PDB file of N, CA and C in Angstrom:
ATOM      1  N   MET A   1       5.330   7.013   3.433  1.00  0.00           N
ATOM      2  CA  MET A   1       5.748   6.131   3.968  1.00  0.00           C
ATOM      3  C   MET A   1       6.737   5.181   3.552  1.00  0.00           C
ATOM      4  N   THR A   2       7.263   3.722   3.873  1.00  0.00           N
ATOM      5  CA  THR A   2       8.063   2.984   3.382  1.00  0.00           C
ATOM      6  C   THR A   2       7.929   1.716   3.282  1.00  0.00           C
ATOM      7  N   SER A   3       8.909   0.642   2.534  1.00  0.00           N
ATOM      8  CA  SER A   3       8.492  -0.669   1.977  1.00  0.00           C
ATOM      9  C   SER A   3       7.922  -1.137   3.511  1.00  0.00           C
ATOM     10  N   ALA A   4       8.325  -0.887   4.494  1.00  0.00           N
ATOM     11  CA  ALA A   4       7.883  -1.097   5.816  1.00  0.00           C
ATOM     12  C   ALA A   4       6.456  -1.455   5.523  1.00  0.00           C
ATOM     13  N   SER A   5       5.217  -0.470   4.845  1.00  0.00           N
ATOM     14  CA  SER A   5       3.585  -0.817   4.874  1.00  0.00           C
ATOM     15  C   SER A   5       3.239  -2.261   4.604  1.00  0.00           C
ATOM     16  N   PHE A   6       4.700  -3.083   3.855  1.00  0.00           N
ATOM     17  CA  PHE A   6       4.054  -4.112   3.236  1.00  0.00           C
ATOM     18  C   PHE A   6       3.575  -5.324   4.793  1.00  0.00           C
ATOM     19  N   LEU A   7       4.674  -4.920   5.498  1.00  0.00           N
ATOM     20  CA  LEU A   7       4.831  -5.731   6.506  1.00  0.00           C
ATOM     21  C   LEU A   7       3.262  -5.930   7.359  1.00  0.00           C
ATOM     22  N   HIS A   8       2.440  -4.541   7.329  1.00  0.00           N
ATOM     23  CA  HIS A   8       1.004  -4.967   8.147  1.00  0.00           C
ATOM     24  C   HIS A   8      -0.485  -5.387   7.229  1.00  0.00           C
ATOM     25  N   GLY A   9       0.188  -5.839   5.591  1.00  0.00           N
ATOM     26  CA  GLY A   9      -0.834  -6.193   5.014  1.00  0.00           C
ATOM     27  C   GLY A   9      -1.667  -4.998   4.015  1.00  0.00           C
ATOM     28  N   GLU A  10      -3.199  -5.029   3.950  1.00  0.00           N
ATOM     29  CA  GLU A  10      -3.267  -4.749   3.319  1.00  0.00           C
ATOM     30  C   GLU A  10      -3.878  -3.704   4.316  1.00  0.00           C
ATOM     31  N   HIS A  11      -4.734  -3.970   5.062  1.00  0.00           N
ATOM     32  CA  HIS A  11      -5.610  -3.456   6.597  1.00  0.00           C
ATOM     33  C   HIS A  11      -4.454  -2.270   7.365  1.00  0.00           C
ATOM     34  N   GLY A  12      -2.984  -2.922   7.360  1.00  0.00           N
ATOM     35  CA  GLY A  12      -2.442  -1.562   7.488  1.00  0.00           C
ATOM     36  C   GLY A  12      -2.039  -0.381   6.646  1.00  0.00           C
ATOM     37  N   VAL A  13      -1.953  -0.975   5.832  1.00  0.00           N
ATOM     38  CA  VAL A  13      -2.035   0.127   4.571  1.00  0.00           C
ATOM     39  C   VAL A  13      -2.672   1.418   4.733  1.00  0.00           C
ATOM     40  N   GLU A  14      -3.741   0.865   4.364  1.00  0.00           N
ATOM     41  CA  GLU A  14      -4.878   1.256   4.829  1.00  0.00           C
ATOM     42  C   GLU A  14      -4.636   2.036   5.775  1.00  0.00           C
ATOM     43  N   HIS A  15      -5.384   1.811   6.597  1.00  0.00           N
ATOM     44  CA  HIS A  15      -4.826   2.444   8.280  1.00  0.00           C
ATOM     45  C   HIS A  15      -3.680   3.746   8.053  1.00  0.00           C
ATOM     46  N   GLN A  16      -2.781   3.443   7.246  1.00  0.00           N
ATOM     47  CA  GLN A  16      -1.745   4.632   7.341  1.00  0.00           C
ATOM     48  C   GLN A  16      -1.879   5.578   6.498  1.00  0.00           C
ATOM     49  N   LEU A  17      -3.029   5.734   5.171  1.00  0.00           N
ATOM     50  CA  LEU A  17      -2.762   5.625   4.417  1.00  0.00           C
ATOM     51  C   LEU A  17      -3.897   7.258   4.906  1.00  0.00           C
ATOM     52  N   ARG A  18      -5.387   6.706   5.600  1.00  0.00           N
ATOM     53  CA  ARG A  18      -6.113   7.458   6.204  1.00  0.00           C
ATOM     54  C   ARG A  18      -5.989   8.509   7.281  1.00  0.00           C
ATOM     55  N   THR A  19      -4.611   7.867   8.108  1.00  0.00           N
ATOM     56  CA  THR A  19      -3.810   8.572   9.088  1.00  0.00           C
ATOM     57  C   THR A  19      -3.385   9.827   8.125  1.00  0.00           C
ATOM     58  N   LEU A  20      -2.641   9.703   7.051  1.00  0.00           N
ATOM     59  CA  LEU A  20      -2.050  10.870   6.771  1.00  0.00           C
ATOM     60  C   LEU A  20      -3.036  11.943   5.677  1.00  0.00           C
ATOM     61  N   ARG A  21      -4.282  11.457   5.367  1.00  0.00           N
ATOM     62  CA  ARG A  21      -5.163  12.085   4.715  1.00  0.00           C
ATOM     63  C   ARG A  21      -5.652  13.122   6.345  1.00  0.00           C
ATOM     64  N   ARG A  22      -6.495  12.541   6.851  1.00  0.00           N
ATOM     65  CA  ARG A  22      -6.670  13.424   8.460  1.00  0.00           C
ATOM     66  C   ARG A  22      -6.171  14.168   8.861  1.00  0.00           C
ATOM     67  N   LEU A  23      -4.304  13.240   8.589  1.00  0.00           N
ATOM     68  CA  LEU A  23      -3.222  14.917   8.963  1.00  0.00           C
ATOM     69  C   LEU A  23      -3.288  16.292   8.283  1.00  0.00           C
ATOM     70  N   THR A  24      -3.547  15.570   6.964  1.00  0.00           N
ATOM     71  CA  THR A  24      -3.046  16.699   5.996  1.00  0.00           C
ATOM     72  C   THR A  24      -3.786  17.256   5.107  1.00  0.00           C
ATOM     73  N   GLY A  25      -5.049  16.453   5.483  1.00  0.00           N
ATOM     74  CA  GLY A  25      -6.240  16.824   4.020  1.00  0.00           C
ATOM     75  C   GLY A  25      -5.736  17.061   2.994  1.00  0.00           C
ATOM     76  N   LEU A  26      -4.864  16.161   2.389  1.00  0.00           N
ATOM     77  CA  LEU A  26      -4.630  15.531   1.214  1.00  0.00           C
ATOM     78  C   LEU A  26      -4.998  14.250   0.842  1.00  0.00           C
ATOM     79  N   PRO A  27      -4.927  14.373  -0.597  1.00  0.00           N
ATOM     80  CA  PRO A  27      -5.214  12.728  -1.024  1.00  0.00           C
ATOM     81  C   PRO A  27      -3.725  12.022  -0.830  1.00  0.00           C
ATOM     82  N   THR A  28      -3.757  11.014  -0.584  1.00  0.00           N
ATOM     83  CA  THR A  28      -3.004  10.358  -0.428  1.00  0.00           C
ATOM     84  C   THR A  28      -2.564   8.595  -1.187  1.00  0.00           C
ATOM     85  N   VAL A  29      -1.098   8.483  -1.350  1.00  0.00           N
ATOM     86  CA  VAL A  29      -1.490   6.898  -2.044  1.00  0.00           C
ATOM     87  C   VAL A  29       0.180   6.997  -1.479  1.00  0.00           C
ATOM     88  N   SER A  30       0.197   5.656  -1.892  1.00  0.00           N
ATOM     89  CA  SER A  30       1.742   4.571  -1.256  1.00  0.00           C
ATOM     90  C   SER A  30       2.311   3.785  -2.608  1.00  0.00           C
ATOM     91  N   THR A  31       3.381   3.308  -2.318  1.00  0.00           N
ATOM     92  CA  THR A  31       3.699   2.582  -3.328  1.00  0.00           C
ATOM     93  C   THR A  31       3.400   0.879  -2.915  1.00  0.00           C
ATOM     94  N   THR A  32       3.180   0.763  -1.805  1.00  0.00           N
ATOM     95  CA  THR A  32       2.275  -0.865  -1.113  1.00  0.00           C
ATOM     96  C   THR A  32       0.487  -0.577  -2.152  1.00  0.00           C
ATOM     97  N   SER A  33       0.118   0.345  -1.942  1.00  0.00           N
ATOM     98  CA  SER A  33      -1.274   0.625  -1.825  1.00  0.00           C
ATOM     99  C   SER A  33      -1.311   0.652  -3.448  1.00  0.00           C
ATOM    100  N   ALA A  34      -0.058   1.067  -4.328  1.00  0.00           N
ATOM    101  CA  ALA A  34      -0.566   1.141  -5.638  1.00  0.00           C
ATOM    102  C   ALA A  34      -0.097  -0.619  -6.452  1.00  0.00           C
ATOM    103  N   PHE A  35       0.443  -0.480  -5.614  1.00  0.00           N
ATOM    104  CA  PHE A  35       1.019  -2.241  -5.990  1.00  0.00           C
ATOM    105  C   PHE A  35       0.041  -3.007  -6.012  1.00  0.00           C
ATOM    106  N   GLN A  36      -0.497  -3.003  -4.854  1.00  0.00           N
ATOM    107  CA  GLN A  36      -1.568  -3.735  -3.631  1.00  0.00           C
ATOM    108  C   GLN A  36      -2.401  -3.557  -4.975  1.00  0.00           C
ATOM    109  N   HIS A  37      -3.224  -2.082  -5.729  1.00  0.00           N
ATOM    110  CA  HIS A  37      -4.369  -1.942  -6.394  1.00  0.00           C
ATOM    111  C   HIS A  37      -3.995  -2.680  -7.772  1.00  0.00           C
ATOM    112  N   ALA A  38      -2.832  -2.776  -8.199  1.00  0.00           N
ATOM    113  CA  ALA A  38      -2.612  -3.058  -9.211  1.00  0.00           C
ATOM    114  C   ALA A  38      -2.695  -4.899  -9.329  1.00  0.00           C
ATOM    115  N   VAL A  39      -2.260  -5.359  -8.250  1.00  0.00           N
ATOM    116  CA  VAL A  39      -1.722  -6.957  -8.311  1.00  0.00           C
ATOM    117  C   VAL A  39      -3.652  -7.243  -8.498  1.00  0.00           C
ATOM    118  N   LYS A  40      -4.627  -6.642  -7.483  1.00  0.00           N
ATOM    119  CA  LYS A  40      -5.890  -6.736  -7.796  1.00  0.00           C
ATOM    120  C   LYS A  40      -6.335  -6.995  -9.467  1.00  0.00           C
ATOM    121  N   HIS A  41      -6.342  -5.732  -9.938  1.00  0.00           N
ATOM    122  CA  HIS A  41      -6.713  -5.204 -10.953  1.00  0.00           C
ATOM    123  C   HIS A  41      -6.167  -6.423 -11.938  1.00  0.00           C
ATOM    124  N   LEU A  42      -4.868  -6.619 -12.396  1.00  0.00           N
ATOM    125  CA  LEU A  42      -4.362  -7.840 -12.820  1.00  0.00           C
ATOM    126  C   LEU A  42      -5.061  -9.413 -12.912  1.00  0.00           C
ATOM    127  N   ASN A  43      -5.357  -9.317 -11.327  1.00  0.00           N
ATOM    128  CA  ASN A  43      -6.230 -10.625 -11.323  1.00  0.00           C
ATOM    129  C   ASN A  43      -5.023 -11.980 -10.701  1.00  0.00           C
ATOM    130  N   LEU A  44      -3.908 -11.081 -10.182  1.00  0.00           N
ATOM    131  CA  LEU A  44      -2.387 -11.847 -10.061  1.00  0.00           C
ATOM    132  C   LEU A  44      -2.701 -12.732  -8.341  1.00  0.00           C
ATOM    133  N   THR A  45      -2.263 -14.091  -8.589  1.00  0.00           N
ATOM    134  CA  THR A  45      -2.955 -15.494  -7.365  1.00  0.00           C
ATOM    135  C   THR A  45      -1.105 -14.915  -6.589  1.00  0.00           C
ATOM    136  N   ALA A  46      -0.429 -14.636  -7.349  1.00  0.00           N
ATOM    137  CA  ALA A  46       1.109 -15.013  -6.948  1.00  0.00           C
ATOM    138  C   ALA A  46       1.658 -13.683  -7.504  1.00  0.00           C
ATOM    139  N   VAL A  47       3.138 -13.373  -6.461  1.00  0.00           N
ATOM    140  CA  VAL A  47       4.137 -12.353  -6.850  1.00  0.00           C
ATOM    141  C   VAL A  47       5.234 -12.380  -6.625  1.00  0.00           C
ATOM    142  N   ALA A  48       6.723 -12.576  -7.481  1.00  0.00           N
ATOM    143  CA  ALA A  48       7.816 -12.493  -6.137  1.00  0.00           C
ATOM    144  C   ALA A  48       8.303 -11.009  -6.205  1.00  0.00           C
ATOM    145  N   LEU A  49       9.069 -10.552  -5.060  1.00  0.00           N
ATOM    146  CA  LEU A  49       8.687  -9.152  -4.941  1.00  0.00           C
ATOM    147  C   LEU A  49      10.670  -9.739  -4.061  1.00  0.00           C
ATOM    148  N   ALA A  50      11.584  -8.479  -4.907  1.00  0.00           N
ATOM    149  CA  ALA A  50      13.073  -8.811  -4.193  1.00  0.00           C
ATOM    150  C   ALA A  50      13.374  -7.212  -4.029  1.00  0.00           C
ATOM    151  N   SER A  51      14.025  -6.807  -3.420  1.00  0.00           N
ATOM    152  CA  SER A  51      14.012  -5.729  -3.060  1.00  0.00           C
ATOM    153  C   SER A  51      15.952  -5.790  -1.522  1.00  0.00           C
ATOM    154  N   VAL A  52      16.831  -5.052  -3.067  1.00  0.00           N
ATOM    155  CA  VAL A  52      18.470  -5.036  -2.552  1.00  0.00           C
ATOM    156  C   VAL A  52      18.305  -3.862  -1.769  1.00  0.00           C
TER     157      VAL A  52
END
């Protein structure tokens, strides 16, 4: 998955991961889902993100 997964929000990312799990039968993770988990775990309310 790519940074495009950020565009679809939390539910879009989970949909992508479910699809990959179903197709591969393997555990899945993405940069986006890891980032979302970290933001929630740290109770952050705002994050600045830059991509070059």
